[in-house]
């Protein structure tokens, strides 16, 4: 029983900290979404690995 209590305390701490950070980030960031950030950044050339060779995607 003691092992379960220690595990609950150990993992529970990480869960509580993770949820707290998640709520703070949502509060600070507001309505920022990844699609909006990508639109502002513009198109970027990407390197892809295809059939054993690197190629640029233009």
Protein backbone atom coordinates (compact mmCIF):
# COMPACT_ATOMS: atom_id res chain seq x y z
CA UNK A 1 0.00 0.00 0.00
CA UNK A 2 2.84 2.37 0.76
CA UNK A 3 4.25 1.89 -2.74
CA UNK A 4 0.92 2.98 -4.26
CA UNK A 5 0.86 6.08 -2.09
CA UNK A 6 4.41 6.99 -3.11
CA UNK A 7 3.60 6.38 -6.80
CA UNK A 8 0.43 8.51 -6.55
CA UNK A 9 2.39 11.32 -4.91
CA UNK A 10 5.20 11.08 -7.45
CA UNK A 11 3.06 10.93 -10.59
CA UNK A 12 0.38 13.21 -9.16
CA UNK A 13 2.95 15.96 -8.72
CA UNK A 14 3.90 15.82 -12.39
CA UNK A 15 0.25 15.81 -13.45
CA UNK A 16 -0.59 18.83 -11.28
CA UNK A 17 2.47 20.77 -12.49
CA UNK A 18 1.68 19.89 -16.12
CA UNK A 19 -1.94 21.01 -15.83
CA UNK A 20 -0.88 24.22 -14.12
CA UNK A 21 1.61 25.07 -16.85
CA UNK A 22 -0.96 24.24 -19.51
CA UNK A 23 -3.51 26.61 -17.96
CA UNK A 24 -0.94 29.40 -17.60
CA UNK A 25 0.19 29.05 -21.21
CA UNK A 26 -3.40 29.19 -22.43
CA UNK A 27 -4.00 32.31 -20.36
CA UNK A 28 -0.83 34.04 -21.57
CA UNK A 29 -1.05 33.04 -25.22
CA UNK A 30 -4.75 33.74 -25.69
CA UNK A 31 -5.97 32.95 -29.19
CA UNK A 32 -2.59 32.29 -30.77
CA UNK A 33 -2.66 29.23 -32.99
CA UNK A 34 0.06 27.54 -34.96
CA UNK A 35 -1.67 28.27 -38.28
CA UNK A 36 -1.61 32.02 -37.52
CA UNK A 37 2.09 31.90 -36.69
CA UNK A 38 2.86 30.02 -39.92
CA UNK A 39 0.94 32.61 -41.96
CA UNK A 40 2.99 35.42 -40.42
CA UNK A 41 6.28 33.60 -40.99
CA UNK A 42 5.55 32.98 -44.66
CA UNK A 43 6.61 30.03 -46.75
CA UNK A 44 9.90 28.40 -45.90
CA UNK A 45 11.92 26.01 -48.02
CA UNK A 46 12.04 22.61 -46.40
CA UNK A 47 14.54 19.81 -46.76
CA UNK A 48 13.11 16.35 -47.20
CA UNK A 49 14.76 12.96 -47.17
CA UNK A 50 13.46 10.98 -50.11
CA UNK A 51 14.72 7.59 -51.30
CA UNK A 52 18.14 7.96 -49.68
CA UNK A 53 18.84 11.54 -50.79
CA UNK A 54 18.19 14.98 -49.39
CA UNK A 55 16.26 17.36 -51.61
CA UNK A 56 14.99 20.91 -51.21
CA UNK A 57 11.27 21.49 -51.48
CA UNK A 58 10.75 24.74 -53.42
